[in-house]
PDB file of N, CA and C in Angstrom:
ATOM      1  N   UNK A   1       0.847  -1.168  -0.001  1.00  0.00           N
ATOM      2  CA  UNK A   1       0.000   0.000   0.000  1.00  0.00           C
ATOM      3  C   UNK A   1       0.896   1.235   0.002  1.00  0.00           C
ATOM      4  N   UNK A   2       0.686   2.123  -0.957  1.00  0.00           N
ATOM      5  CA  UNK A   2       1.471   3.349  -1.061  1.00  0.00           C
ATOM      6  C   UNK A   2       0.687   4.528  -0.500  1.00  0.00           C
ATOM      7  N   UNK A   3       1.373   5.386   0.207  1.00  0.00           N
ATOM      8  CA  UNK A   3       0.819   6.626   0.745  1.00  0.00           C
ATOM      9  C   UNK A   3       1.791   7.751   0.399  1.00  0.00           C
ATOM     10  N   UNK A   4       1.288   8.963   0.341  1.00  0.00           N
ATOM     11  CA  UNK A   4       2.173  10.111   0.153  1.00  0.00           C
ATOM     12  C   UNK A   4       2.073  11.019   1.373  1.00  0.00           C
ATOM     13  N   UNK A   5       3.186  11.677   1.677  1.00  0.00           N
ATOM     14  CA  UNK A   5       3.251  12.549   2.853  1.00  0.00           C
ATOM     15  C   UNK A   5       4.077  13.774   2.505  1.00  0.00           C
ATOM     16  N   UNK A   6       3.518  14.944   2.745  1.00  0.00           N
ATOM     17  CA  UNK A   6       4.275  16.182   2.589  1.00  0.00           C
ATOM     18  C   UNK A   6       5.195  16.352   3.785  1.00  0.00           C
ATOM     19  N   UNK A   7       6.361  16.934   3.545  1.00  0.00           N
ATOM     20  CA  UNK A   7       7.308  17.230   4.618  1.00  0.00           C
ATOM     21  C   UNK A   7       8.120  18.449   4.220  1.00  0.00           C
ATOM     22  N   UNK A   8       8.810  19.025   5.178  1.00  0.00           N
ATOM     23  CA  UNK A   8       9.737  20.135   4.922  1.00  0.00           C
ATOM     24  C   UNK A   8      11.145  19.638   5.145  1.00  0.00           C
ATOM     25  N   UNK A   9      12.049  19.985   4.251  1.00  0.00           N
ATOM     26  CA  UNK A   9      13.440  19.578   4.392  1.00  0.00           C
ATOM     27  C   UNK A   9      13.992  20.140   5.702  1.00  0.00           C
ATOM     28  N   UNK A  10      14.636  19.303   6.526  1.00  0.00           N
ATOM     29  CA  UNK A  10      15.187  19.791   7.789  1.00  0.00           C
ATOM     30  C   UNK A  10      16.421  20.680   7.616  1.00  0.00           C
ATOM     31  N   UNK A  11      16.948  20.787   6.399  1.00  0.00           N
ATOM     32  CA  UNK A  11      18.088  21.661   6.126  1.00  0.00           C
ATOM     33  C   UNK A  11      17.635  22.999   5.551  1.00  0.00           C
ATOM     34  N   UNK A  12      16.949  22.953   4.404  1.00  0.00           N
ATOM     35  CA  UNK A  12      16.615  24.195   3.697  1.00  0.00           C
ATOM     36  C   UNK A  12      15.182  24.658   3.931  1.00  0.00           C
ATOM     37  N   UNK A  13      14.335  23.791   4.499  1.00  0.00           N
ATOM     38  CA  UNK A  13      12.956  24.169   4.810  1.00  0.00           C
ATOM     39  C   UNK A  13      11.991  24.099   3.644  1.00  0.00           C
ATOM     40  N   UNK A  14      12.460  23.706   2.468  1.00  0.00           N
ATOM     41  CA  UNK A  14      11.581  23.639   1.303  1.00  0.00           C
ATOM     42  C   UNK A  14      10.608  22.464   1.428  1.00  0.00           C
ATOM     43  N   UNK A  15       9.373  22.661   0.959  1.00  0.00           N
ATOM     44  CA  UNK A  15       8.400  21.567   1.003  1.00  0.00           C
ATOM     45  C   UNK A  15       8.712  20.513  -0.062  1.00  0.00           C
ATOM     46  N   UNK A  16       8.399  19.269   0.254  1.00  0.00           N
ATOM     47  CA  UNK A  16       8.583  18.156  -0.674  1.00  0.00           C
ATOM     48  C   UNK A  16       7.562  17.082  -0.320  1.00  0.00           C
ATOM     49  N   UNK A  17       7.519  16.046  -1.126  1.00  0.00           N
ATOM     50  CA  UNK A  17       6.576  14.955  -0.896  1.00  0.00           C
ATOM     51  C   UNK A  17       7.315  13.628  -0.918  1.00  0.00           C
ATOM     52  N   UNK A  18       7.017  12.766   0.041  1.00  0.00           N
ATOM     53  CA  UNK A  18       7.576  11.417   0.093  1.00  0.00           C
ATOM     54  C   UNK A  18       6.478  10.429  -0.264  1.00  0.00           C
ATOM     55  N   UNK A  19       6.826   9.417  -1.045  1.00  0.00           N
ATOM     56  CA  UNK A  19       5.918   8.310  -1.336  1.00  0.00           C
ATOM     57  C   UNK A  19       6.376   7.135  -0.483  1.00  0.00           C
ATOM     58  N   UNK A  20       5.468   6.638   0.349  1.00  0.00           N
ATOM     59  CA  UNK A  20       5.801   5.632   1.356  1.00  0.00           C
ATOM     60  C   UNK A  20       5.148   4.298   1.024  1.00  0.00           C
ATOM     61  N   UNK A  21       5.921   3.221   1.142  1.00  0.00           N
ATOM     62  CA  UNK A  21       5.405   1.869   0.957  1.00  0.00           C
ATOM     63  C   UNK A  21       5.163   1.261   2.336  1.00  0.00           C
ATOM     64  N   UNK A  22       3.915   1.245   2.765  1.00  0.00           N
ATOM     65  CA  UNK A  22       3.568   0.765   4.100  1.00  0.00           C
ATOM     66  C   UNK A  22       3.653  -0.750   4.226  1.00  0.00           C
ATOM     67  N   UNK A  23       3.710  -1.463   3.108  1.00  0.00           N
ATOM     68  CA  UNK A  23       3.727  -2.925   3.162  1.00  0.00           C
ATOM     69  C   UNK A  23       5.050  -3.475   3.684  1.00  0.00           C
ATOM     70  N   UNK A  24       6.092  -2.638   3.754  1.00  0.00           N
ATOM     71  CA  UNK A  24       7.397  -3.096   4.219  1.00  0.00           C
ATOM     72  C   UNK A  24       7.599  -2.998   5.713  1.00  0.00           C
ATOM     73  N   UNK A  25       6.595  -2.573   6.466  1.00  0.00           N
ATOM     74  CA  UNK A  25       6.743  -2.423   7.911  1.00  0.00           C
ATOM     75  C   UNK A  25       7.594  -1.220   8.263  1.00  0.00           C
ATOM     76  N   UNK A  26       8.124  -1.210   9.489  1.00  0.00           N
ATOM     77  CA  UNK A  26       8.966  -0.102   9.937  1.00  0.00           C
ATOM     78  C   UNK A  26      10.212  -0.018   9.060  1.00  0.00           C
ATOM     79  N   UNK A  27      10.597   1.222   8.713  1.00  0.00           N
ATOM     80  CA  UNK A  27      11.738   1.422   7.827  1.00  0.00           C
ATOM     81  C   UNK A  27      12.509   2.657   8.242  1.00  0.00           C
ATOM     82  N   UNK A  28      13.822   2.617   8.037  1.00  0.00           N
ATOM     83  CA  UNK A  28      14.683   3.790   8.153  1.00  0.00           C
ATOM     84  C   UNK A  28      15.527   3.834   6.897  1.00  0.00           C
ATOM     85  N   UNK A  29      15.547   4.972   6.230  1.00  0.00           N
ATOM     86  CA  UNK A  29      16.318   5.088   5.000  1.00  0.00           C
ATOM     87  C   UNK A  29      16.653   6.551   4.747  1.00  0.00           C
ATOM     88  N   UNK A  30      17.614   6.779   3.857  1.00  0.00           N
ATOM     89  CA  UNK A  30      18.032   8.125   3.485  1.00  0.00           C
ATOM     90  C   UNK A  30      17.582   8.434   2.072  1.00  0.00           C
ATOM     91  N   UNK A  31      17.148   9.677   1.877  1.00  0.00           N
ATOM     92  CA  UNK A  31      16.886  10.221   0.548  1.00  0.00           C
ATOM     93  C   UNK A  31      17.437  11.629   0.540  1.00  0.00           C
ATOM     94  N   UNK A  32      17.932  12.049  -0.604  1.00  0.00           N
ATOM     95  CA  UNK A  32      18.427  13.410  -0.732  1.00  0.00           C
ATOM     96  C   UNK A  32      17.269  14.375  -0.944  1.00  0.00           C
ATOM     97  N   UNK A  33      17.378  15.562  -0.371  1.00  0.00           N
ATOM     98  CA  UNK A  33      16.389  16.622  -0.592  1.00  0.00           C
ATOM     99  C   UNK A  33      16.363  16.944  -2.086  1.00  0.00           C
ATOM    100  N   UNK A  34      15.177  17.051  -2.689  1.00  0.00           N
ATOM    101  CA  UNK A  34      15.104  17.369  -4.115  1.00  0.00           C
ATOM    102  C   UNK A  34      15.533  18.802  -4.435  1.00  0.00           C
ATOM    103  N   UNK A  35      15.688  19.651  -3.418  1.00  0.00           N
ATOM    104  CA  UNK A  35      16.084  21.041  -3.640  1.00  0.00           C
ATOM    105  C   UNK A  35      17.563  21.260  -3.325  1.00  0.00           C
ATOM    106  N   UNK A  36      17.983  20.953  -2.085  1.00  0.00           N
ATOM    107  CA  UNK A  36      19.362  21.248  -1.672  1.00  0.00           C
ATOM    108  C   UNK A  36      20.289  20.030  -1.752  1.00  0.00           C
ATOM    109  N   UNK A  37      19.733  18.848  -2.033  1.00  0.00           N
ATOM    110  CA  UNK A  37      20.494  17.598  -2.231  1.00  0.00           C
ATOM    111  C   UNK A  37      21.206  17.082  -0.987  1.00  0.00           C
ATOM    112  N   UNK A  38      20.852  17.556   0.184  1.00  0.00           N
ATOM    113  CA  UNK A  38      21.447  17.018   1.414  1.00  0.00           C
ATOM    114  C   UNK A  38      20.687  15.767   1.845  1.00  0.00           C
ATOM    115  N   UNK A  39      21.378  14.834   2.535  1.00  0.00           N
ATOM    116  CA  UNK A  39      20.733  13.574   2.921  1.00  0.00           C
ATOM    117  C   UNK A  39      19.774  13.748   4.104  1.00  0.00           C
ATOM    118  N   UNK A  40      18.575  13.235   3.939  1.00  0.00           N
ATOM    119  CA  UNK A  40      17.535  13.295   4.968  1.00  0.00           C
ATOM    120  C   UNK A  40      17.269  11.878   5.452  1.00  0.00           C
ATOM    121  N   UNK A  41      17.220  11.697   6.771  1.00  0.00           N
ATOM    122  CA  UNK A  41      16.870  10.405   7.359  1.00  0.00           C
ATOM    123  C   UNK A  41      15.353  10.339   7.504  1.00  0.00           C
ATOM    124  N   UNK A  42      14.752   9.351   6.853  1.00  0.00           N
ATOM    125  CA  UNK A  42      13.325   9.092   6.961  1.00  0.00           C
ATOM    126  C   UNK A  42      13.134   7.894   7.879  1.00  0.00           C
ATOM    127  N   UNK A  43      12.271   8.043   8.879  1.00  0.00           N
ATOM    128  CA  UNK A  43      11.949   6.934   9.771  1.00  0.00           C
ATOM    129  C   UNK A  43      10.438   6.727   9.725  1.00  0.00           C
ATOM    130  N   UNK A  44      10.051   5.612   9.121  1.00  0.00           N
ATOM    131  CA  UNK A  44       8.649   5.257   8.968  1.00  0.00           C
ATOM    132  C   UNK A  44       8.297   4.186   9.989  1.00  0.00           C
ATOM    133  N   UNK A  45       7.257   4.446  10.758  1.00  0.00           N
ATOM    134  CA  UNK A  45       6.755   3.479  11.738  1.00  0.00           C
ATOM    135  C   UNK A  45       5.316   3.143  11.345  1.00  0.00           C
ATOM    136  N   UNK A  46       5.041   1.851  11.138  1.00  0.00           N
ATOM    137  CA  UNK A  46       3.702   1.460  10.702  1.00  0.00           C
ATOM    138  C   UNK A  46       3.341   0.068  11.200  1.00  0.00           C
ATOM    139  N   UNK A  47       2.044  -0.128  11.368  1.00  0.00           N
ATOM    140  CA  UNK A  47       1.535  -1.469  11.648  1.00  0.00           C
ATOM    141  C   UNK A  47       0.772  -1.997  10.433  1.00  0.00           C
ATOM    142  N   UNK A  48       0.916  -1.314   9.298  1.00  0.00           N
ATOM    143  CA  UNK A  48       0.221  -1.694   8.074  1.00  0.00           C
ATOM    144  C   UNK A  48      -1.038  -0.889   7.832  1.00  0.00           C
ATOM    145  N   UNK A  49      -1.553  -0.239   8.870  1.00  0.00           N
ATOM    146  CA  UNK A  49      -2.749   0.596   8.746  1.00  0.00           C
ATOM    147  C   UNK A  49      -2.420   2.024   9.167  1.00  0.00           C
ATOM    148  N   UNK A  50      -2.059   2.198  10.423  1.00  0.00           N
ATOM    149  CA  UNK A  50      -1.671   3.510  10.936  1.00  0.00           C
ATOM    150  C   UNK A  50      -0.170   3.675  10.769  1.00  0.00           C
ATOM    151  N   UNK A  51       0.284   4.915  10.552  1.00  0.00           N
ATOM    152  CA  UNK A  51       1.705   5.136  10.347  1.00  0.00           C
ATOM    153  C   UNK A  51       2.104   6.548  10.745  1.00  0.00           C
ATOM    154  N   UNK A  52       3.382   6.718  11.032  1.00  0.00           N
ATOM    155  CA  UNK A  52       3.968   8.035  11.288  1.00  0.00           C
ATOM    156  C   UNK A  52       5.280   8.110  10.523  1.00  0.00           C
ATOM    157  N   UNK A  53       5.629   9.313  10.115  1.00  0.00           N
ATOM    158  CA  UNK A  53       6.885   9.547   9.408  1.00  0.00           C
ATOM    159  C   UNK A  53       7.635  10.654  10.123  1.00  0.00           C
ATOM    160  N   UNK A  54       8.895  10.392  10.423  1.00  0.00           N
ATOM    161  CA  UNK A  54       9.782  11.400  10.988  1.00  0.00           C
ATOM    162  C   UNK A  54      10.882  11.672   9.973  1.00  0.00           C
ATOM    163  N   UNK A  55      11.215  12.951   9.788  1.00  0.00           N
ATOM    164  CA  UNK A  55      12.345  13.317   8.930  1.00  0.00           C
ATOM    165  C   UNK A  55      13.344  14.084   9.778  1.00  0.00           C
ATOM    166  N   UNK A  56      14.621  13.736   9.625  1.00  0.00           N
ATOM    167  CA  UNK A  56      15.676  14.349  10.432  1.00  0.00           C
ATOM    168  C   UNK A  56      16.888  14.613   9.561  1.00  0.00           C
ATOM    169  N   UNK A  57      17.688  15.563  10.018  1.00  0.00           N
ATOM    170  CA  UNK A  57      18.984  15.798   9.400  1.00  0.00           C
ATOM    171  C   UNK A  57      19.869  14.588   9.638  1.00  0.00           C
ATOM    172  N   UNK A  58      20.776  14.341   8.738  1.00  0.00           N
ATOM    173  CA  UNK A  58      21.690  13.217   8.905  1.00  0.00           C
ATOM    174  C   UNK A  58      22.556  13.393  10.147  1.00  0.00           C
ATOM    175  N   UNK A  59      22.884  14.633  10.498  1.00  0.00           N
ATOM    176  CA  UNK A  59      23.798  14.899  11.615  1.00  0.00           C
ATOM    177  C   UNK A  59      23.096  15.112  12.954  1.00  0.00           C
ATOM    178  N   UNK A  60      21.786  14.859  13.042  1.00  0.00           N
ATOM    179  CA  UNK A  60      21.063  14.987  14.323  1.00  0.00           C
ATOM    180  C   UNK A  60      21.254  13.765  15.181  1.00  0.00           C
TER     181      UNK A  60
END
């Protein structure tokens, strides 16, 4: 199941959208900001129905 979530880059503050695959369970991964290209840590927590997404700077 795919979901989309808006977020703000923790470096430059620009808005962006993440597409999340909830079928994989809890996940931690890095993606570069589409604007400033810095690495963002995405932490997805899900039980397959409810979910939360945290975005953090790589150096936090």
